[in-house]
Amino acid sequence: MVFFSPSRGRMSLEQVVQDILDYVSEDTSLPYKLIVGTDSQLREATCFVTAVIIHRVGKGARYYYSKKHMQKMSSLRQRIFYEASLSLSTADMLADLLHRHGRNDLEVEIHLDVGLRGDTRDLIREIIGMIVGSGFDAKIKPEACGASKVADKHTK
C-alpha cells in the first residue's frame, strides 16, 4: 500500500508508521489521536481515498493518504461498505505495525463517511457494528473529519 504525505511525498505504510512514531516522540506531554478514514467519489470510475491522521490534540496534525481507483460502483451501500472495509484493513495493519514497535497506547479510531442526515443514515448501525466488532472505535459525521474532510479533499 502506497501513501502520500503533503510534506514528505510517497511513503510505504512502514514509513508512515515510523513518521508517526517520530512525530509523537517530539512532544510526549500532549495527547494524540490516530485516525483512519476513507471517502469515495463516483465519476467514470470510483475513486477511494484512505487517510491516516495523527492528531496532536490542540496542536495540529499530520496526515497521509492512499488513493485507489476501481470500476464504477453505483450502489451507495456497496461503496460505503467498501470504504469501511478499506479503513478497517488499514487500521488493522497500522495497529499491527504499532504493536511491533511496542506502541499499544496509540489506539486507532475509524472515521466513517455516514451520518444521521442523508442517504447513509440507514447504514449506520451495520457499519458501526462491523467496525466496533473488529475492535476499533468508530465515529460518524459530524465527528468523522478523517473521512469527511481529509480523505474527501483528495477524492476530487
N, C-alpha and C. Protein backbone atom coordinates (compact mmCIF):
# COMPACT_ATOMS: atom_id res chain seq x y z
N MET A 1 0.85 -1.17 0.00
CA MET A 1 0.00 0.00 0.00
C MET A 1 0.90 1.24 0.00
N VAL A 2 0.65 2.13 -0.94
CA VAL A 2 1.45 3.35 -1.08
C VAL A 2 0.65 4.53 -0.55
N PHE A 3 1.32 5.34 0.27
CA PHE A 3 0.71 6.54 0.82
C PHE A 3 1.45 7.76 0.32
N PHE A 4 0.78 8.90 0.40
CA PHE A 4 1.40 10.17 0.06
C PHE A 4 1.25 11.11 1.24
N SER A 5 2.30 11.84 1.52
CA SER A 5 2.29 12.85 2.56
C SER A 5 2.50 14.19 1.87
N PRO A 6 1.69 15.20 2.20
CA PRO A 6 1.88 16.51 1.58
C PRO A 6 3.28 17.08 1.82
N SER A 7 3.91 16.72 2.94
CA SER A 7 5.24 17.26 3.24
C SER A 7 6.38 16.29 2.96
N ARG A 8 6.10 14.98 2.85
CA ARG A 8 7.17 14.01 2.69
C ARG A 8 7.10 13.19 1.40
N GLY A 9 6.01 13.33 0.66
CA GLY A 9 5.89 12.61 -0.61
C GLY A 9 5.43 11.17 -0.45
N ARG A 10 5.88 10.34 -1.36
CA ARG A 10 5.48 8.93 -1.43
C ARG A 10 6.10 8.14 -0.28
N MET A 11 5.26 7.31 0.38
CA MET A 11 5.73 6.55 1.54
C MET A 11 5.05 5.19 1.60
N SER A 12 5.74 4.21 2.14
CA SER A 12 5.12 2.92 2.42
C SER A 12 4.40 3.04 3.77
N LEU A 13 3.57 2.06 4.09
CA LEU A 13 2.88 2.09 5.38
C LEU A 13 3.89 2.01 6.53
N GLU A 14 4.96 1.26 6.35
CA GLU A 14 6.00 1.18 7.37
C GLU A 14 6.66 2.54 7.60
N GLN A 15 6.89 3.28 6.51
CA GLN A 15 7.46 4.63 6.64
C GLN A 15 6.47 5.58 7.31
N VAL A 16 5.19 5.42 7.01
CA VAL A 16 4.15 6.24 7.66
C VAL A 16 4.18 5.99 9.17
N VAL A 17 4.24 4.73 9.56
CA VAL A 17 4.27 4.39 10.99
C VAL A 17 5.51 4.99 11.64
N GLN A 18 6.66 4.89 10.99
CA GLN A 18 7.88 5.46 11.57
C GLN A 18 7.76 6.98 11.71
N ASP A 19 7.16 7.63 10.71
CA ASP A 19 6.97 9.07 10.77
C ASP A 19 6.02 9.44 11.90
N ILE A 20 4.97 8.65 12.08
CA ILE A 20 4.03 8.87 13.19
C ILE A 20 4.74 8.73 14.52
N LEU A 21 5.56 7.70 14.67
CA LEU A 21 6.29 7.48 15.92
C LEU A 21 7.26 8.62 16.19
N ASP A 22 7.93 9.12 15.15
CA ASP A 22 8.84 10.26 15.30
C ASP A 22 8.07 11.50 15.73
N TYR A 23 6.91 11.73 15.11
CA TYR A 23 6.07 12.89 15.42
C TYR A 23 5.58 12.85 16.87
N VAL A 24 5.14 11.69 17.30
CA VAL A 24 4.64 11.52 18.67
C VAL A 24 5.77 11.72 19.69
N SER A 25 6.97 11.28 19.35
CA SER A 25 8.09 11.40 20.29
C SER A 25 8.61 12.83 20.41
N GLU A 26 8.24 13.71 19.47
CA GLU A 26 8.66 15.11 19.54
C GLU A 26 8.08 15.83 20.76
N ASP A 27 6.87 15.47 21.16
CA ASP A 27 6.24 16.09 22.33
C ASP A 27 5.38 15.03 23.03
N THR A 28 5.95 14.42 24.04
CA THR A 28 5.25 13.34 24.74
C THR A 28 4.29 13.85 25.81
N SER A 29 4.26 15.17 26.03
CA SER A 29 3.38 15.72 27.06
C SER A 29 1.94 15.89 26.57
N LEU A 30 1.72 15.81 25.27
CA LEU A 30 0.39 16.04 24.71
C LEU A 30 -0.29 14.73 24.32
N PRO A 31 -1.63 14.72 24.35
CA PRO A 31 -2.36 13.53 23.89
C PRO A 31 -2.42 13.48 22.36
N TYR A 32 -2.53 12.28 21.82
CA TYR A 32 -2.59 12.07 20.38
C TYR A 32 -3.80 11.21 20.03
N LYS A 33 -4.34 11.45 18.83
CA LYS A 33 -5.39 10.60 18.27
C LYS A 33 -4.88 10.09 16.93
N LEU A 34 -5.00 8.79 16.73
CA LEU A 34 -4.63 8.20 15.45
C LEU A 34 -5.93 7.83 14.75
N ILE A 35 -6.15 8.42 13.59
CA ILE A 35 -7.43 8.33 12.90
C ILE A 35 -7.24 7.74 11.50
N VAL A 36 -8.17 6.88 11.11
CA VAL A 36 -8.21 6.36 9.74
C VAL A 36 -9.61 6.62 9.20
N GLY A 37 -9.70 7.15 8.00
CA GLY A 37 -10.99 7.40 7.37
C GLY A 37 -10.88 7.26 5.87
N THR A 38 -11.96 6.81 5.25
CA THR A 38 -11.99 6.64 3.79
C THR A 38 -13.22 7.33 3.23
N ASP A 39 -13.04 7.96 2.08
CA ASP A 39 -14.15 8.56 1.35
C ASP A 39 -14.03 8.14 -0.11
N SER A 40 -15.12 8.30 -0.85
CA SER A 40 -15.08 7.94 -2.27
C SER A 40 -15.80 8.99 -3.09
N GLN A 41 -15.48 9.02 -4.36
CA GLN A 41 -16.10 9.93 -5.31
C GLN A 41 -16.45 9.12 -6.56
N LEU A 42 -17.67 9.24 -6.97
CA LEU A 42 -18.16 8.48 -8.11
C LEU A 42 -18.09 9.34 -9.37
N ARG A 43 -17.33 8.87 -10.35
CA ARG A 43 -17.26 9.51 -11.67
C ARG A 43 -17.34 8.41 -12.71
N GLU A 44 -16.46 8.45 -13.73
CA GLU A 44 -16.42 7.34 -14.70
C GLU A 44 -16.00 6.06 -13.97
N ALA A 45 -15.11 6.23 -13.02
CA ALA A 45 -14.69 5.15 -12.13
C ALA A 45 -14.98 5.63 -10.71
N THR A 46 -14.70 4.80 -9.74
CA THR A 46 -14.88 5.22 -8.35
C THR A 46 -13.50 5.41 -7.73
N CYS A 47 -13.29 6.59 -7.17
CA CYS A 47 -12.01 6.92 -6.54
C CYS A 47 -12.19 6.79 -5.03
N PHE A 48 -11.38 5.93 -4.41
CA PHE A 48 -11.39 5.75 -2.96
C PHE A 48 -10.11 6.34 -2.39
N VAL A 49 -10.24 7.14 -1.34
CA VAL A 49 -9.07 7.71 -0.67
C VAL A 49 -9.15 7.35 0.81
N THR A 50 -8.09 6.71 1.29
CA THR A 50 -7.99 6.37 2.71
C THR A 50 -6.95 7.30 3.32
N ALA A 51 -7.34 7.99 4.39
CA ALA A 51 -6.44 8.92 5.07
C ALA A 51 -6.06 8.36 6.44
N VAL A 52 -4.80 8.58 6.80
CA VAL A 52 -4.29 8.26 8.13
C VAL A 52 -3.85 9.59 8.73
N ILE A 53 -4.41 9.94 9.87
CA ILE A 53 -4.14 11.23 10.51
C ILE A 53 -3.61 10.99 11.90
N ILE A 54 -2.50 11.65 12.23
CA ILE A 54 -2.03 11.66 13.62
C ILE A 54 -2.27 13.08 14.13
N HIS A 55 -3.21 13.17 15.05
CA HIS A 55 -3.65 14.47 15.57
C HIS A 55 -3.02 14.71 16.93
N ARG A 56 -2.19 15.73 17.00
CA ARG A 56 -1.63 16.18 18.28
C ARG A 56 -2.69 17.12 18.83
N VAL A 57 -3.51 16.60 19.73
CA VAL A 57 -4.71 17.30 20.19
C VAL A 57 -4.36 18.71 20.68
N GLY A 58 -5.01 19.69 20.02
CA GLY A 58 -4.80 21.09 20.35
C GLY A 58 -3.60 21.73 19.68
N LYS A 59 -2.79 20.93 18.95
CA LYS A 59 -1.55 21.46 18.38
C LYS A 59 -1.30 21.03 16.94
N GLY A 60 -2.35 20.68 16.19
CA GLY A 60 -2.16 20.35 14.78
C GLY A 60 -2.13 18.86 14.51
N ALA A 61 -1.75 18.52 13.28
CA ALA A 61 -1.78 17.13 12.86
C ALA A 61 -0.91 16.94 11.62
N ARG A 62 -0.64 15.68 11.34
CA ARG A 62 -0.02 15.26 10.08
C ARG A 62 -0.95 14.24 9.47
N TYR A 63 -0.94 14.17 8.13
CA TYR A 63 -1.77 13.15 7.51
C TYR A 63 -1.08 12.55 6.29
N TYR A 64 -1.57 11.40 5.92
CA TYR A 64 -1.06 10.61 4.81
C TYR A 64 -2.29 10.03 4.12
N TYR A 65 -2.23 9.86 2.82
CA TYR A 65 -3.39 9.29 2.13
C TYR A 65 -2.97 8.33 1.03
N SER A 66 -3.86 7.40 0.77
CA SER A 66 -3.68 6.42 -0.28
C SER A 66 -4.90 6.48 -1.19
N LYS A 67 -4.67 6.42 -2.50
CA LYS A 67 -5.74 6.56 -3.47
C LYS A 67 -5.86 5.28 -4.28
N LYS A 68 -7.10 4.88 -4.52
CA LYS A 68 -7.37 3.66 -5.28
C LYS A 68 -8.54 3.91 -6.22
N HIS A 69 -8.36 3.58 -7.50
CA HIS A 69 -9.44 3.72 -8.49
C HIS A 69 -9.98 2.34 -8.82
N MET A 70 -11.30 2.24 -8.87
CA MET A 70 -11.97 0.98 -9.20
C MET A 70 -13.07 1.25 -10.21
N GLN A 71 -13.59 0.17 -10.77
CA GLN A 71 -14.70 0.34 -11.70
C GLN A 71 -15.85 1.06 -11.00
N LYS A 72 -16.70 1.68 -11.79
CA LYS A 72 -17.81 2.46 -11.25
C LYS A 72 -18.67 1.60 -10.33
N MET A 73 -18.86 2.09 -9.11
CA MET A 73 -19.64 1.40 -8.09
C MET A 73 -20.88 2.26 -7.81
N SER A 74 -21.96 1.99 -8.51
CA SER A 74 -23.16 2.83 -8.42
C SER A 74 -23.93 2.65 -7.12
N SER A 75 -23.85 1.50 -6.51
CA SER A 75 -24.60 1.24 -5.29
C SER A 75 -23.96 1.96 -4.10
N LEU A 76 -24.73 2.87 -3.49
CA LEU A 76 -24.23 3.61 -2.33
C LEU A 76 -23.87 2.65 -1.20
N ARG A 77 -24.71 1.67 -0.96
CA ARG A 77 -24.46 0.68 0.09
C ARG A 77 -23.13 -0.04 -0.13
N GLN A 78 -22.90 -0.47 -1.35
CA GLN A 78 -21.66 -1.17 -1.68
C GLN A 78 -20.45 -0.25 -1.47
N ARG A 79 -20.56 1.01 -1.90
CA ARG A 79 -19.46 1.97 -1.74
C ARG A 79 -19.16 2.23 -0.27
N ILE A 80 -20.18 2.43 0.54
CA ILE A 80 -19.99 2.72 1.96
C ILE A 80 -19.35 1.53 2.67
N PHE A 81 -19.82 0.34 2.37
CA PHE A 81 -19.22 -0.85 2.98
C PHE A 81 -17.78 -1.05 2.52
N TYR A 82 -17.49 -0.74 1.26
CA TYR A 82 -16.12 -0.86 0.77
C TYR A 82 -15.22 0.19 1.43
N GLU A 83 -15.73 1.42 1.59
CA GLU A 83 -14.98 2.46 2.31
C GLU A 83 -14.63 1.97 3.72
N ALA A 84 -15.62 1.43 4.41
CA ALA A 84 -15.41 0.95 5.78
C ALA A 84 -14.40 -0.19 5.80
N SER A 85 -14.46 -1.08 4.82
CA SER A 85 -13.52 -2.21 4.79
C SER A 85 -12.10 -1.74 4.49
N LEU A 86 -11.94 -0.72 3.65
CA LEU A 86 -10.60 -0.16 3.40
C LEU A 86 -10.04 0.46 4.68
N SER A 87 -10.89 1.21 5.39
CA SER A 87 -10.45 1.82 6.66
C SER A 87 -10.09 0.75 7.68
N LEU A 88 -10.92 -0.26 7.76
CA LEU A 88 -10.70 -1.35 8.71
C LEU A 88 -9.40 -2.09 8.41
N SER A 89 -9.16 -2.38 7.16
CA SER A 89 -7.93 -3.07 6.75
C SER A 89 -6.70 -2.22 7.07
N THR A 90 -6.77 -0.94 6.77
CA THR A 90 -5.64 -0.03 7.05
C THR A 90 -5.42 0.10 8.55
N ALA A 91 -6.50 0.24 9.31
CA ALA A 91 -6.39 0.35 10.77
C ALA A 91 -5.77 -0.90 11.37
N ASP A 92 -6.16 -2.05 10.85
CA ASP A 92 -5.63 -3.32 11.34
C ASP A 92 -4.12 -3.41 11.08
N MET A 93 -3.69 -3.04 9.87
CA MET A 93 -2.26 -3.06 9.55
C MET A 93 -1.49 -2.05 10.40
N LEU A 94 -2.06 -0.86 10.61
CA LEU A 94 -1.43 0.16 11.45
C LEU A 94 -1.26 -0.34 12.88
N ALA A 95 -2.33 -0.89 13.43
CA ALA A 95 -2.29 -1.40 14.81
C ALA A 95 -1.24 -2.49 14.95
N ASP A 96 -1.13 -3.36 13.95
CA ASP A 96 -0.14 -4.44 13.99
C ASP A 96 1.28 -3.87 13.96
N LEU A 97 1.53 -2.91 13.07
CA LEU A 97 2.87 -2.31 12.99
C LEU A 97 3.22 -1.54 14.27
N LEU A 98 2.24 -0.83 14.82
CA LEU A 98 2.49 -0.09 16.07
C LEU A 98 2.78 -1.07 17.20
N HIS A 99 2.05 -2.17 17.23
CA HIS A 99 2.27 -3.20 18.25
C HIS A 99 3.70 -3.74 18.15
N ARG A 100 4.17 -3.96 16.92
CA ARG A 100 5.54 -4.45 16.72
C ARG A 100 6.58 -3.47 17.23
N HIS A 101 6.22 -2.18 17.22
CA HIS A 101 7.12 -1.14 17.74
C HIS A 101 6.90 -0.88 19.23
N GLY A 102 6.06 -1.71 19.85
CA GLY A 102 5.80 -1.57 21.29
C GLY A 102 4.89 -0.41 21.65
N ARG A 103 4.10 0.08 20.69
CA ARG A 103 3.22 1.23 20.94
C ARG A 103 1.76 0.80 20.93
N ASN A 104 1.36 0.08 21.96
CA ASN A 104 -0.03 -0.33 22.10
C ASN A 104 -0.91 0.80 22.63
N ASP A 105 -0.28 1.90 23.05
CA ASP A 105 -1.02 3.04 23.61
C ASP A 105 -1.66 3.92 22.53
N LEU A 106 -1.23 3.80 21.28
CA LEU A 106 -1.81 4.59 20.19
C LEU A 106 -2.95 3.79 19.55
N GLU A 107 -4.14 3.97 20.06
CA GLU A 107 -5.28 3.24 19.54
C GLU A 107 -5.84 3.95 18.31
N VAL A 108 -6.25 3.16 17.34
CA VAL A 108 -6.75 3.69 16.08
C VAL A 108 -8.26 3.91 16.17
N GLU A 109 -8.68 5.08 15.73
CA GLU A 109 -10.10 5.45 15.67
C GLU A 109 -10.49 5.51 14.19
N ILE A 110 -11.60 4.88 13.83
CA ILE A 110 -12.03 4.87 12.43
C ILE A 110 -13.17 5.85 12.23
N HIS A 111 -12.97 6.75 11.27
CA HIS A 111 -13.99 7.75 10.92
C HIS A 111 -14.73 7.27 9.68
N LEU A 112 -16.05 7.23 9.79
CA LEU A 112 -16.90 6.70 8.73
C LEU A 112 -17.66 7.81 8.03
N ASP A 113 -17.79 7.68 6.73
CA ASP A 113 -18.48 8.70 5.94
C ASP A 113 -19.99 8.43 5.90
N VAL A 114 -20.59 8.29 7.09
CA VAL A 114 -22.03 8.11 7.24
C VAL A 114 -22.50 9.07 8.32
N GLY A 115 -23.76 9.45 8.25
CA GLY A 115 -24.29 10.36 9.24
C GLY A 115 -25.79 10.24 9.38
N LEU A 116 -26.32 10.93 10.37
CA LEU A 116 -27.74 10.87 10.67
C LEU A 116 -28.60 11.58 9.62
N ARG A 117 -27.98 12.40 8.80
CA ARG A 117 -28.68 13.08 7.71
C ARG A 117 -28.24 12.46 6.39
N GLY A 118 -29.14 12.38 5.47
CA GLY A 118 -28.80 11.90 4.14
C GLY A 118 -29.06 10.41 3.95
N ASP A 119 -28.65 9.93 2.79
CA ASP A 119 -28.95 8.56 2.38
C ASP A 119 -28.22 7.49 3.17
N THR A 120 -27.16 7.86 3.87
CA THR A 120 -26.37 6.85 4.59
C THR A 120 -26.90 6.53 5.98
N ARG A 121 -27.89 7.26 6.44
CA ARG A 121 -28.37 7.07 7.82
C ARG A 121 -28.86 5.65 8.10
N ASP A 122 -29.39 4.98 7.07
CA ASP A 122 -29.89 3.61 7.25
C ASP A 122 -28.78 2.58 7.39
N LEU A 123 -27.55 2.98 7.10
CA LEU A 123 -26.41 2.06 7.14
C LEU A 123 -25.60 2.16 8.44
N ILE A 124 -25.88 3.17 9.24
CA ILE A 124 -25.06 3.48 10.41
C ILE A 124 -24.87 2.28 11.33
N ARG A 125 -25.95 1.66 11.73
CA ARG A 125 -25.85 0.55 12.69
C ARG A 125 -24.99 -0.59 12.19
N GLU A 126 -25.19 -0.97 10.93
CA GLU A 126 -24.43 -2.08 10.37
C GLU A 126 -22.94 -1.75 10.26
N ILE A 127 -22.65 -0.55 9.78
CA ILE A 127 -21.25 -0.14 9.58
C ILE A 127 -20.53 -0.01 10.93
N ILE A 128 -21.18 0.64 11.89
CA ILE A 128 -20.56 0.78 13.22
C ILE A 128 -20.37 -0.59 13.84
N GLY A 129 -21.34 -1.48 13.70
CA GLY A 129 -21.22 -2.83 14.23
C GLY A 129 -20.02 -3.56 13.65
N MET A 130 -19.79 -3.38 12.35
CA MET A 130 -18.64 -4.01 11.69
C MET A 130 -17.33 -3.50 12.27
N ILE A 131 -17.24 -2.20 12.50
CA ILE A 131 -16.00 -1.58 13.00
C ILE A 131 -15.77 -1.93 14.47
N VAL A 132 -16.78 -1.71 15.29
CA VAL A 132 -16.67 -1.97 16.73
C VAL A 132 -16.46 -3.47 16.99
N GLY A 133 -17.14 -4.30 16.22
CA GLY A 133 -16.97 -5.75 16.34
C GLY A 133 -15.56 -6.21 15.99
N SER A 134 -14.83 -5.37 15.25
CA SER A 134 -13.44 -5.69 14.89
C SER A 134 -12.45 -5.09 15.89
N GLY A 135 -12.96 -4.41 16.92
CA GLY A 135 -12.09 -3.91 17.98
C GLY A 135 -11.65 -2.47 17.88
N PHE A 136 -12.27 -1.70 17.00
CA PHE A 136 -11.88 -0.29 16.84
C PHE A 136 -13.03 0.62 17.24
N ASP A 137 -12.69 1.84 17.64
CA ASP A 137 -13.69 2.85 17.94
C ASP A 137 -14.15 3.46 16.62
N ALA A 138 -15.42 3.78 16.49
CA ALA A 138 -15.97 4.34 15.26
C ALA A 138 -16.62 5.68 15.52
N LYS A 139 -16.41 6.62 14.59
CA LYS A 139 -17.05 7.94 14.65
C LYS A 139 -17.79 8.16 13.34
N ILE A 140 -18.95 8.84 13.45
CA ILE A 140 -19.72 9.19 12.26
C ILE A 140 -19.78 10.72 12.15
N LYS A 141 -20.28 11.19 11.00
CA LYS A 141 -20.41 12.64 10.81
C LYS A 141 -21.36 13.20 11.85
N PRO A 142 -21.11 14.34 12.39
CA PRO A 142 -20.11 15.33 12.02
C PRO A 142 -18.75 15.14 12.72
N GLU A 143 -18.58 14.11 13.50
CA GLU A 143 -17.32 13.89 14.23
C GLU A 143 -16.31 13.07 13.45
N ALA A 144 -16.59 12.81 12.17
CA ALA A 144 -15.74 11.93 11.37
C ALA A 144 -14.91 12.73 10.37
N CYS A 145 -14.12 13.67 10.86
CA CYS A 145 -13.34 14.54 9.98
C CYS A 145 -12.31 13.78 9.14
N GLY A 146 -11.85 12.63 9.62
CA GLY A 146 -10.88 11.84 8.86
C GLY A 146 -11.43 11.43 7.51
N ALA A 147 -12.71 11.10 7.45
CA ALA A 147 -13.35 10.70 6.20
C ALA A 147 -13.96 11.91 5.49
N SER A 148 -14.71 12.72 6.23
CA SER A 148 -15.50 13.77 5.59
C SER A 148 -14.69 15.02 5.23
N LYS A 149 -13.51 15.18 5.78
CA LYS A 149 -12.69 16.36 5.46
C LYS A 149 -11.38 15.96 4.78
N VAL A 150 -10.55 15.19 5.46
CA VAL A 150 -9.21 14.89 4.94
C VAL A 150 -9.27 13.98 3.72
N ALA A 151 -9.90 12.80 3.84
CA ALA A 151 -9.98 11.89 2.69
C ALA A 151 -10.78 12.53 1.56
N ASP A 152 -11.88 13.19 1.89
CA ASP A 152 -12.72 13.84 0.89
C ASP A 152 -11.94 14.84 0.05
N LYS A 153 -11.02 15.57 0.66
CA LYS A 153 -10.21 16.57 -0.02
C LYS A 153 -9.44 15.97 -1.20
N HIS A 154 -9.03 14.72 -1.07
CA HIS A 154 -8.18 14.10 -2.09
C HIS A 154 -8.95 13.21 -3.07
N THR A 155 -10.29 13.14 -2.94
CA THR A 155 -11.08 12.37 -3.90
C THR A 155 -11.43 13.21 -5.12
N LYS A 156 -11.30 14.50 -5.00
CA LYS A 156 -11.70 15.43 -6.07
C LYS A 156 -10.74 15.38 -7.25
